[in-house]
All heavy atoms as atom14 arrays in JSON, in Angstrom:
{
  "sequence": "RAGDLVEITSPATLYLGVIRNSQGERMTVAVEHALDR",
  "atom14_mask": [
    [1, 1, 1, 1, 1, 1, 1, 1, 1, 1, 1, 0, 0, 0],
    [1, 1, 1, 1, 1, 0, 0, 0, 0, 0, 0, 0, 0, 0],
    [1, 1, 1, 1, 0, 0, 0, 0, 0, 0, 0, 0, 0, 0],
    [1, 1, 1, 1, 1, 1, 1, 1, 0, 0, 0, 0, 0, 0],
    [1, 1, 1, 1, 1, 1, 1, 1, 0, 0, 0, 0, 0, 0],
    [1, 1, 1, 1, 1, 1, 1, 0, 0, 0, 0, 0, 0, 0],
    [1, 1, 1, 1, 1, 1, 1, 1, 1, 0, 0, 0, 0, 0],
    [1, 1, 1, 1, 1, 1, 1, 1, 0, 0, 0, 0, 0, 0],
    [1, 1, 1, 1, 1, 1, 1, 0, 0, 0, 0, 0, 0, 0],
    [1, 1, 1, 1, 1, 1, 0, 0, 0, 0, 0, 0, 0, 0],
    [1, 1, 1, 1, 1, 1, 1, 0, 0, 0, 0, 0, 0, 0],
    [1, 1, 1, 1, 1, 0, 0, 0, 0, 0, 0, 0, 0, 0],
    [1, 1, 1, 1, 1, 1, 1, 0, 0, 0, 0, 0, 0, 0],
    [1, 1, 1, 1, 1, 1, 1, 1, 0, 0, 0, 0, 0, 0],
    [1, 1, 1, 1, 1, 1, 1, 1, 1, 1, 1, 1, 0, 0],
    [1, 1, 1, 1, 1, 1, 1, 1, 0, 0, 0, 0, 0, 0],
    [1, 1, 1, 1, 0, 0, 0, 0, 0, 0, 0, 0, 0, 0],
    [1, 1, 1, 1, 1, 1, 1, 0, 0, 0, 0, 0, 0, 0],
    [1, 1, 1, 1, 1, 1, 1, 1, 0, 0, 0, 0, 0, 0],
    [1, 1, 1, 1, 1, 1, 1, 1, 1, 1, 1, 0, 0, 0],
    [1, 1, 1, 1, 1, 1, 1, 1, 0, 0, 0, 0, 0, 0],
    [1, 1, 1, 1, 1, 1, 0, 0, 0, 0, 0, 0, 0, 0],
    [1, 1, 1, 1, 1, 1, 1, 1, 1, 0, 0, 0, 0, 0],
    [1, 1, 1, 1, 0, 0, 0, 0, 0, 0, 0, 0, 0, 0],
    [1, 1, 1, 1, 1, 1, 1, 1, 1, 0, 0, 0, 0, 0],
    [1, 1, 1, 1, 1, 1, 1, 1, 1, 1, 1, 0, 0, 0],
    [1, 1, 1, 1, 1, 1, 1, 1, 0, 0, 0, 0, 0, 0],
    [1, 1, 1, 1, 1, 1, 1, 0, 0, 0, 0, 0, 0, 0],
    [1, 1, 1, 1, 1, 1, 1, 0, 0, 0, 0, 0, 0, 0],
    [1, 1, 1, 1, 1, 0, 0, 0, 0, 0, 0, 0, 0, 0],
    [1, 1, 1, 1, 1, 1, 1, 0, 0, 0, 0, 0, 0, 0],
    [1, 1, 1, 1, 1, 1, 1, 1, 1, 0, 0, 0, 0, 0],
    [1, 1, 1, 1, 1, 1, 1, 1, 1, 1, 0, 0, 0, 0],
    [1, 1, 1, 1, 1, 0, 0, 0, 0, 0, 0, 0, 0, 0],
    [1, 1, 1, 1, 1, 1, 1, 1, 0, 0, 0, 0, 0, 0],
    [1, 1, 1, 1, 1, 1, 1, 1, 0, 0, 0, 0, 0, 0],
    [1, 1, 1, 1, 1, 1, 1, 1, 1, 1, 1, 0, 0, 0]
  ],
  "atom14_positions": [
    [[-47.84, 166.18, 57.15], [-48.59, 165.26, 57.94], [-49.59, 166.18, 58.8], [-49.27, 167.26, 59.17], [-47.77, 164.44, 58.89], [-46.82, 163.51, 58.07], [-46.0, 162.69, 59.05], [-45.48, 163.58, 60.09], [-44.09, 163.71, 60.31], [-43.32, 162.99, 59.67], [-43.65, 164.53, 61.26], [0.0, 0.0, 0.0], [0.0, 0.0, 0.0], [0.0, 0.0, 0.0]],
    [[-50.72, 165.55, 59.24], [-51.6, 166.14, 60.19], [-50.81, 166.47, 61.37], [-50.0, 165.72, 61.9], [-52.72, 165.22, 60.49], [0.0, 0.0, 0.0], [0.0, 0.0, 0.0], [0.0, 0.0, 0.0], [0.0, 0.0, 0.0], [0.0, 0.0, 0.0], [0.0, 0.0, 0.0], [0.0, 0.0, 0.0], [0.0, 0.0, 0.0], [0.0, 0.0, 0.0]],
    [[-51.03, 167.79, 61.94], [-50.29, 168.27, 63.11], [-49.17, 169.16, 62.82], [-48.61, 169.89, 63.67], [0.0, 0.0, 0.0], [0.0, 0.0, 0.0], [0.0, 0.0, 0.0], [0.0, 0.0, 0.0], [0.0, 0.0, 0.0], [0.0, 0.0, 0.0], [0.0, 0.0, 0.0], [0.0, 0.0, 0.0], [0.0, 0.0, 0.0], [0.0, 0.0, 0.0]],
    [[-48.63, 169.07, 61.51], [-47.45, 169.89, 61.13], [-47.83, 171.38, 61.09], [-48.96, 171.68, 60.74], [-47.0, 169.54, 59.74], [-46.16, 168.2, 59.72], [-45.75, 167.79, 60.86], [-45.92, 167.71, 58.65], [0.0, 0.0, 0.0], [0.0, 0.0, 0.0], [0.0, 0.0, 0.0], [0.0, 0.0, 0.0], [0.0, 0.0, 0.0], [0.0, 0.0, 0.0]],
    [[-46.9, 172.27, 61.53], [-47.16, 173.7, 61.46], [-46.69, 174.18, 60.06], [-45.62, 173.8, 59.62], [-46.38, 174.44, 62.5], [-46.69, 173.98, 63.95], [-45.8, 174.71, 64.92], [-48.17, 174.27, 64.29], [0.0, 0.0, 0.0], [0.0, 0.0, 0.0], [0.0, 0.0, 0.0], [0.0, 0.0, 0.0], [0.0, 0.0, 0.0], [0.0, 0.0, 0.0]],
    [[-47.51, 175.11, 59.4], [-47.17, 175.48, 58.11], [-47.39, 177.03, 57.96], [-48.17, 177.65, 58.82], [-47.94, 174.78, 57.02], [-47.6, 173.36, 56.87], [-49.44, 174.94, 57.25], [0.0, 0.0, 0.0], [0.0, 0.0, 0.0], [0.0, 0.0, 0.0], [0.0, 0.0, 0.0], [0.0, 0.0, 0.0], [0.0, 0.0, 0.0], [0.0, 0.0, 0.0]],
    [[-46.63, 177.6, 57.05], [-46.85, 178.98, 56.65], [-47.39, 178.95, 55.22], [-46.79, 178.3, 54.41], [-45.49, 179.74, 56.7], [-45.55, 181.07, 56.13], [-44.16, 181.75, 56.06], [-43.69, 182.24, 57.01], [-43.53, 181.58, 54.98], [0.0, 0.0, 0.0], [0.0, 0.0, 0.0], [0.0, 0.0, 0.0], [0.0, 0.0, 0.0], [0.0, 0.0, 0.0]],
    [[-48.46, 179.62, 54.95], [-49.03, 179.76, 53.61], [-49.01, 181.25, 53.22], [-49.54, 182.15, 53.86], [-50.46, 179.2, 53.58], [-50.54, 177.81, 54.11], [-51.12, 179.4, 52.23], [-51.9, 177.29, 54.37], [0.0, 0.0, 0.0], [0.0, 0.0, 0.0], [0.0, 0.0, 0.0], [0.0, 0.0, 0.0], [0.0, 0.0, 0.0], [0.0, 0.0, 0.0]],
    [[-48.38, 181.49, 52.05], [-48.17, 182.83, 51.59], [-49.02, 183.07, 50.29], [-48.71, 182.34, 49.3], [-46.69, 183.1, 51.37], [-45.9, 182.88, 52.55], [-46.52, 184.6, 50.95], [0.0, 0.0, 0.0], [0.0, 0.0, 0.0], [0.0, 0.0, 0.0], [0.0, 0.0, 0.0], [0.0, 0.0, 0.0], [0.0, 0.0, 0.0], [0.0, 0.0, 0.0]],
    [[-49.89, 183.93, 50.37], [-50.65, 184.34, 49.16], [-50.26, 185.78, 48.85], [-49.47, 186.47, 49.59], [-52.15, 184.33, 49.45], [-52.59, 185.36, 50.24], [0.0, 0.0, 0.0], [0.0, 0.0, 0.0], [0.0, 0.0, 0.0], [0.0, 0.0, 0.0], [0.0, 0.0, 0.0], [0.0, 0.0, 0.0], [0.0, 0.0, 0.0], [0.0, 0.0, 0.0]],
    [[-50.62, 186.29, 47.64], [-50.23, 187.63, 47.38], [-50.63, 188.73, 48.38], [-49.89, 189.62, 48.57], [-51.02, 187.96, 46.04], [-51.19, 186.58, 45.41], [-51.38, 185.63, 46.56], [0.0, 0.0, 0.0], [0.0, 0.0, 0.0], [0.0, 0.0, 0.0], [0.0, 0.0, 0.0], [0.0, 0.0, 0.0], [0.0, 0.0, 0.0], [0.0, 0.0, 0.0]],
    [[-51.71, 188.52, 49.07], [-52.21, 189.54, 50.03], [-52.06, 189.15, 51.46], [-52.06, 190.01, 52.37], [-53.66, 189.89, 49.75], [0.0, 0.0, 0.0], [0.0, 0.0, 0.0], [0.0, 0.0, 0.0], [0.0, 0.0, 0.0], [0.0, 0.0, 0.0], [0.0, 0.0, 0.0], [0.0, 0.0, 0.0], [0.0, 0.0, 0.0], [0.0, 0.0, 0.0]],
    [[-51.95, 187.86, 51.77], [-52.08, 187.4, 53.18], [-50.97, 186.35, 53.45], [-50.67, 185.56, 52.66], [-53.4, 186.82, 53.44], [-54.39, 187.74, 53.02], [-53.69, 186.55, 54.9], [0.0, 0.0, 0.0], [0.0, 0.0, 0.0], [0.0, 0.0, 0.0], [0.0, 0.0, 0.0], [0.0, 0.0, 0.0], [0.0, 0.0, 0.0], [0.0, 0.0, 0.0]],
    [[-50.49, 186.38, 54.72], [-49.68, 185.42, 55.24], [-50.41, 184.56, 56.32], [-50.93, 185.21, 57.27], [-48.38, 186.03, 55.88], [-47.4, 185.05, 56.6], [-46.62, 184.17, 55.56], [-46.45, 185.84, 57.48], [0.0, 0.0, 0.0], [0.0, 0.0, 0.0], [0.0, 0.0, 0.0], [0.0, 0.0, 0.0], [0.0, 0.0, 0.0], [0.0, 0.0, 0.0]],
    [[-50.56, 183.34, 56.13], [-51.34, 182.49, 56.98], [-50.4, 181.6, 57.8], [-49.45, 180.99, 57.2], [-52.25, 181.55, 56.27], [-53.37, 182.26, 55.42], [-53.19, 182.41, 54.02], [-54.51, 182.74, 55.94], [-54.11, 183.07, 53.27], [-55.43, 183.38, 55.18], [-55.2, 183.5, 53.85], [-56.18, 184.19, 53.0], [0.0, 0.0, 0.0], [0.0, 0.0, 0.0]],
    [[-50.66, 181.43, 59.1], [-49.87, 180.49, 59.91], [-50.96, 179.48, 60.48], [-51.99, 179.87, 60.95], [-49.17, 181.15, 61.08], [-48.15, 182.2, 60.6], [-47.64, 182.97, 61.76], [-47.06, 181.57, 59.78], [0.0, 0.0, 0.0], [0.0, 0.0, 0.0], [0.0, 0.0, 0.0], [0.0, 0.0, 0.0], [0.0, 0.0, 0.0], [0.0, 0.0, 0.0]],
    [[-50.66, 178.21, 60.33], [-51.72, 177.26, 60.79], [-51.16, 175.81, 60.98], [-49.93, 175.6, 60.94], [0.0, 0.0, 0.0], [0.0, 0.0, 0.0], [0.0, 0.0, 0.0], [0.0, 0.0, 0.0], [0.0, 0.0, 0.0], [0.0, 0.0, 0.0], [0.0, 0.0, 0.0], [0.0, 0.0, 0.0], [0.0, 0.0, 0.0], [0.0, 0.0, 0.0]],
    [[-52.12, 174.94, 61.25], [-51.84, 173.58, 61.54], [-52.56, 172.7, 60.51], [-53.69, 172.87, 60.25], [-52.4, 173.14, 63.0], [-52.06, 171.72, 63.22], [-51.72, 174.02, 63.97], [0.0, 0.0, 0.0], [0.0, 0.0, 0.0], [0.0, 0.0, 0.0], [0.0, 0.0, 0.0], [0.0, 0.0, 0.0], [0.0, 0.0, 0.0], [0.0, 0.0, 0.0]],
    [[-51.8, 171.7, 59.94], [-52.44, 170.82, 59.02], [-53.46, 169.95, 59.72], [-53.06, 169.31, 60.75], [-51.36, 169.94, 58.27], [-50.43, 170.86, 57.48], [-52.01, 168.91, 57.41], [-49.26, 170.19, 56.81], [0.0, 0.0, 0.0], [0.0, 0.0, 0.0], [0.0, 0.0, 0.0], [0.0, 0.0, 0.0], [0.0, 0.0, 0.0], [0.0, 0.0, 0.0]],
    [[-54.63, 169.91, 59.18], [-55.69, 169.01, 59.78], [-55.69, 167.74, 59.03], [-55.99, 166.61, 59.67], [-57.03, 169.62, 59.68], [-57.29, 170.84, 60.62], [-57.27, 170.27, 61.99], [-57.16, 171.41, 62.9], [-58.19, 171.67, 63.71], [-59.32, 171.05, 63.73], [-58.11, 172.74, 64.6], [0.0, 0.0, 0.0], [0.0, 0.0, 0.0], [0.0, 0.0, 0.0]],
    [[-55.5, 167.74, 57.75], [-55.59, 166.56, 56.91], [-54.74, 166.72, 55.69], [-54.71, 167.81, 55.02], [-57.06, 166.34, 56.48], [-57.26, 165.06, 55.77], [-56.43, 164.58, 55.06], [-58.53, 164.54, 55.85], [0.0, 0.0, 0.0], [0.0, 0.0, 0.0], [0.0, 0.0, 0.0], [0.0, 0.0, 0.0], [0.0, 0.0, 0.0], [0.0, 0.0, 0.0]],
    [[-53.99, 165.74, 55.3], [-53.2, 165.81, 54.13], [-53.25, 164.36, 53.41], [-52.79, 163.46, 53.94], [-51.75, 166.08, 54.5], [-50.97, 166.2, 53.32], [0.0, 0.0, 0.0], [0.0, 0.0, 0.0], [0.0, 0.0, 0.0], [0.0, 0.0, 0.0], [0.0, 0.0, 0.0], [0.0, 0.0, 0.0], [0.0, 0.0, 0.0], [0.0, 0.0, 0.0]],
    [[-53.92, 164.36, 52.24], [-53.95, 163.16, 51.42], [-53.62, 163.43, 49.99], [-54.3, 164.14, 49.3], [-55.41, 162.6, 51.55], [-55.86, 162.2, 52.88], [-57.28, 161.64, 52.87], [-58.03, 161.99, 52.1], [-57.52, 160.81, 53.9], [0.0, 0.0, 0.0], [0.0, 0.0, 0.0], [0.0, 0.0, 0.0], [0.0, 0.0, 0.0], [0.0, 0.0, 0.0]],
    [[-52.61, 162.8, 49.6], [-52.08, 162.96, 48.2], [-51.81, 164.4, 47.84], [-50.9, 165.0, 48.49], [0.0, 0.0, 0.0], [0.0, 0.0, 0.0], [0.0, 0.0, 0.0], [0.0, 0.0, 0.0], [0.0, 0.0, 0.0], [0.0, 0.0, 0.0], [0.0, 0.0, 0.0], [0.0, 0.0, 0.0], [0.0, 0.0, 0.0], [0.0, 0.0, 0.0]],
    [[-52.58, 164.92, 46.89], [-52.35, 166.3, 46.45], [-53.26, 167.36, 47.12], [-53.27, 168.53, 46.7], [-52.52, 166.39, 44.88], [-51.56, 165.53, 44.16], [-51.98, 165.11, 42.77], [-53.04, 165.5, 42.4], [-51.26, 164.35, 42.12], [0.0, 0.0, 0.0], [0.0, 0.0, 0.0], [0.0, 0.0, 0.0], [0.0, 0.0, 0.0], [0.0, 0.0, 0.0]],
    [[-54.01, 166.89, 48.15], [-54.96, 167.79, 48.84], [-54.64, 167.97, 50.29], [-54.18, 166.95, 50.96], [-56.37, 167.11, 48.65], [-57.52, 167.98, 49.18], [-58.47, 168.22, 48.03], [-59.6, 168.97, 48.41], [-59.79, 170.19, 47.98], [-58.9, 170.82, 47.28], [-60.84, 170.84, 48.52], [0.0, 0.0, 0.0], [0.0, 0.0, 0.0], [0.0, 0.0, 0.0]],
    [[-54.82, 169.15, 50.83], [-54.51, 169.43, 52.19], [-55.5, 170.44, 52.79], [-55.91, 171.32, 52.15], [-53.05, 169.98, 52.29], [-52.58, 170.27, 53.69], [-50.79, 170.53, 53.77], [-50.66, 172.16, 53.08], [0.0, 0.0, 0.0], [0.0, 0.0, 0.0], [0.0, 0.0, 0.0], [0.0, 0.0, 0.0], [0.0, 0.0, 0.0], [0.0, 0.0, 0.0]],
    [[-55.86, 170.19, 54.01], [-56.71, 171.14, 54.79], [-55.86, 171.66, 55.97], [-55.3, 170.91, 56.78], [-57.96, 170.4, 55.32], [-58.65, 169.87, 54.2], [-58.88, 171.39, 56.01], [0.0, 0.0, 0.0], [0.0, 0.0, 0.0], [0.0, 0.0, 0.0], [0.0, 0.0, 0.0], [0.0, 0.0, 0.0], [0.0, 0.0, 0.0], [0.0, 0.0, 0.0]],
    [[-55.92, 172.99, 56.11], [-55.11, 173.63, 57.17], [-56.11, 174.5, 57.98], [-56.91, 175.21, 57.53], [-54.12, 174.58, 56.54], [-53.33, 175.42, 57.61], [-53.05, 173.8, 55.67], [0.0, 0.0, 0.0], [0.0, 0.0, 0.0], [0.0, 0.0, 0.0], [0.0, 0.0, 0.0], [0.0, 0.0, 0.0], [0.0, 0.0, 0.0], [0.0, 0.0, 0.0]],
    [[-55.96, 174.37, 59.32], [-56.68, 175.22, 60.28], [-55.86, 176.44, 60.55], [-54.65, 176.34, 61.02], [-56.96, 174.44, 61.64], [0.0, 0.0, 0.0], [0.0, 0.0, 0.0], [0.0, 0.0, 0.0], [0.0, 0.0, 0.0], [0.0, 0.0, 0.0], [0.0, 0.0, 0.0], [0.0, 0.0, 0.0], [0.0, 0.0, 0.0], [0.0, 0.0, 0.0]],
    [[-56.28, 177.55, 60.19], [-55.53, 178.81, 60.28], [-55.58, 179.3, 61.78], [-56.73, 179.53, 62.32], [-56.14, 179.87, 59.33], [-55.41, 181.19, 59.53], [-55.97, 179.45, 57.95], [0.0, 0.0, 0.0], [0.0, 0.0, 0.0], [0.0, 0.0, 0.0], [0.0, 0.0, 0.0], [0.0, 0.0, 0.0], [0.0, 0.0, 0.0], [0.0, 0.0, 0.0]],
    [[-54.45, 179.59, 62.26], [-54.33, 180.14, 63.62], [-54.12, 181.71, 63.62], [-54.63, 182.46, 64.41], [-53.12, 179.58, 64.39], [-53.21, 178.04, 64.6], [-54.29, 177.65, 65.6], [-54.56, 178.44, 66.47], [-54.92, 176.68, 65.38], [0.0, 0.0, 0.0], [0.0, 0.0, 0.0], [0.0, 0.0, 0.0], [0.0, 0.0, 0.0], [0.0, 0.0, 0.0]],
    [[-53.41, 182.19, 62.54], [-53.17, 183.62, 62.31], [-53.2, 183.92, 60.87], [-52.69, 183.17, 60.12], [-51.78, 184.02, 62.92], [-51.56, 183.71, 64.4], [-52.22, 184.41, 65.38], [-50.98, 182.7, 64.96], [-51.85, 183.92, 66.51], [-51.12, 182.86, 66.34], [0.0, 0.0, 0.0], [0.0, 0.0, 0.0], [0.0, 0.0, 0.0], [0.0, 0.0, 0.0]],
    [[-53.79, 185.05, 60.54], [-53.81, 185.6, 59.14], [-53.27, 186.98, 59.23], [-53.96, 187.79, 59.92], [-55.21, 185.45, 58.6], [0.0, 0.0, 0.0], [0.0, 0.0, 0.0], [0.0, 0.0, 0.0], [0.0, 0.0, 0.0], [0.0, 0.0, 0.0], [0.0, 0.0, 0.0], [0.0, 0.0, 0.0], [0.0, 0.0, 0.0], [0.0, 0.0, 0.0]],
    [[-52.28, 187.33, 58.54], [-51.68, 188.62, 58.62], [-51.71, 189.27, 57.22], [-51.27, 188.72, 56.26], [-50.22, 188.61, 59.08], [-49.98, 187.82, 60.36], [-48.58, 187.45, 60.59], [-50.49, 188.61, 61.49], [0.0, 0.0, 0.0], [0.0, 0.0, 0.0], [0.0, 0.0, 0.0], [0.0, 0.0, 0.0], [0.0, 0.0, 0.0], [0.0, 0.0, 0.0]],
    [[-52.19, 190.47, 57.09], [-52.23, 191.22, 55.83], [-50.76, 191.57, 55.51], [-50.05, 192.11, 56.38], [-53.04, 192.48, 56.04], [-53.04, 193.33, 54.82], [-52.15, 194.17, 54.65], [-54.0, 193.2, 53.96], [0.0, 0.0, 0.0], [0.0, 0.0, 0.0], [0.0, 0.0, 0.0], [0.0, 0.0, 0.0], [0.0, 0.0, 0.0], [0.0, 0.0, 0.0]],
    [[-50.35, 191.2, 54.36], [-48.9, 191.34, 54.02], [-48.51, 192.88, 53.92], [-47.35, 193.22, 54.2], [-48.53, 190.6, 52.78], [-48.59, 189.08, 53.02], [-48.19, 188.27, 51.9], [-46.8, 188.53, 51.59], [-46.19, 188.18, 50.45], [-46.87, 187.59, 49.49], [-44.99, 188.4, 50.3], [0.0, 0.0, 0.0], [0.0, 0.0, 0.0], [0.0, 0.0, 0.0]]
  ]
}
């Protein structure tokens, strides 16, 4: 849901952020921190 805190892990980067919008299979996240893994 919008407002939830999430961790997004990619091969190179760890993102920490807040969900701005979540509808069905699509989500937008505002990134607060991006860390090189």
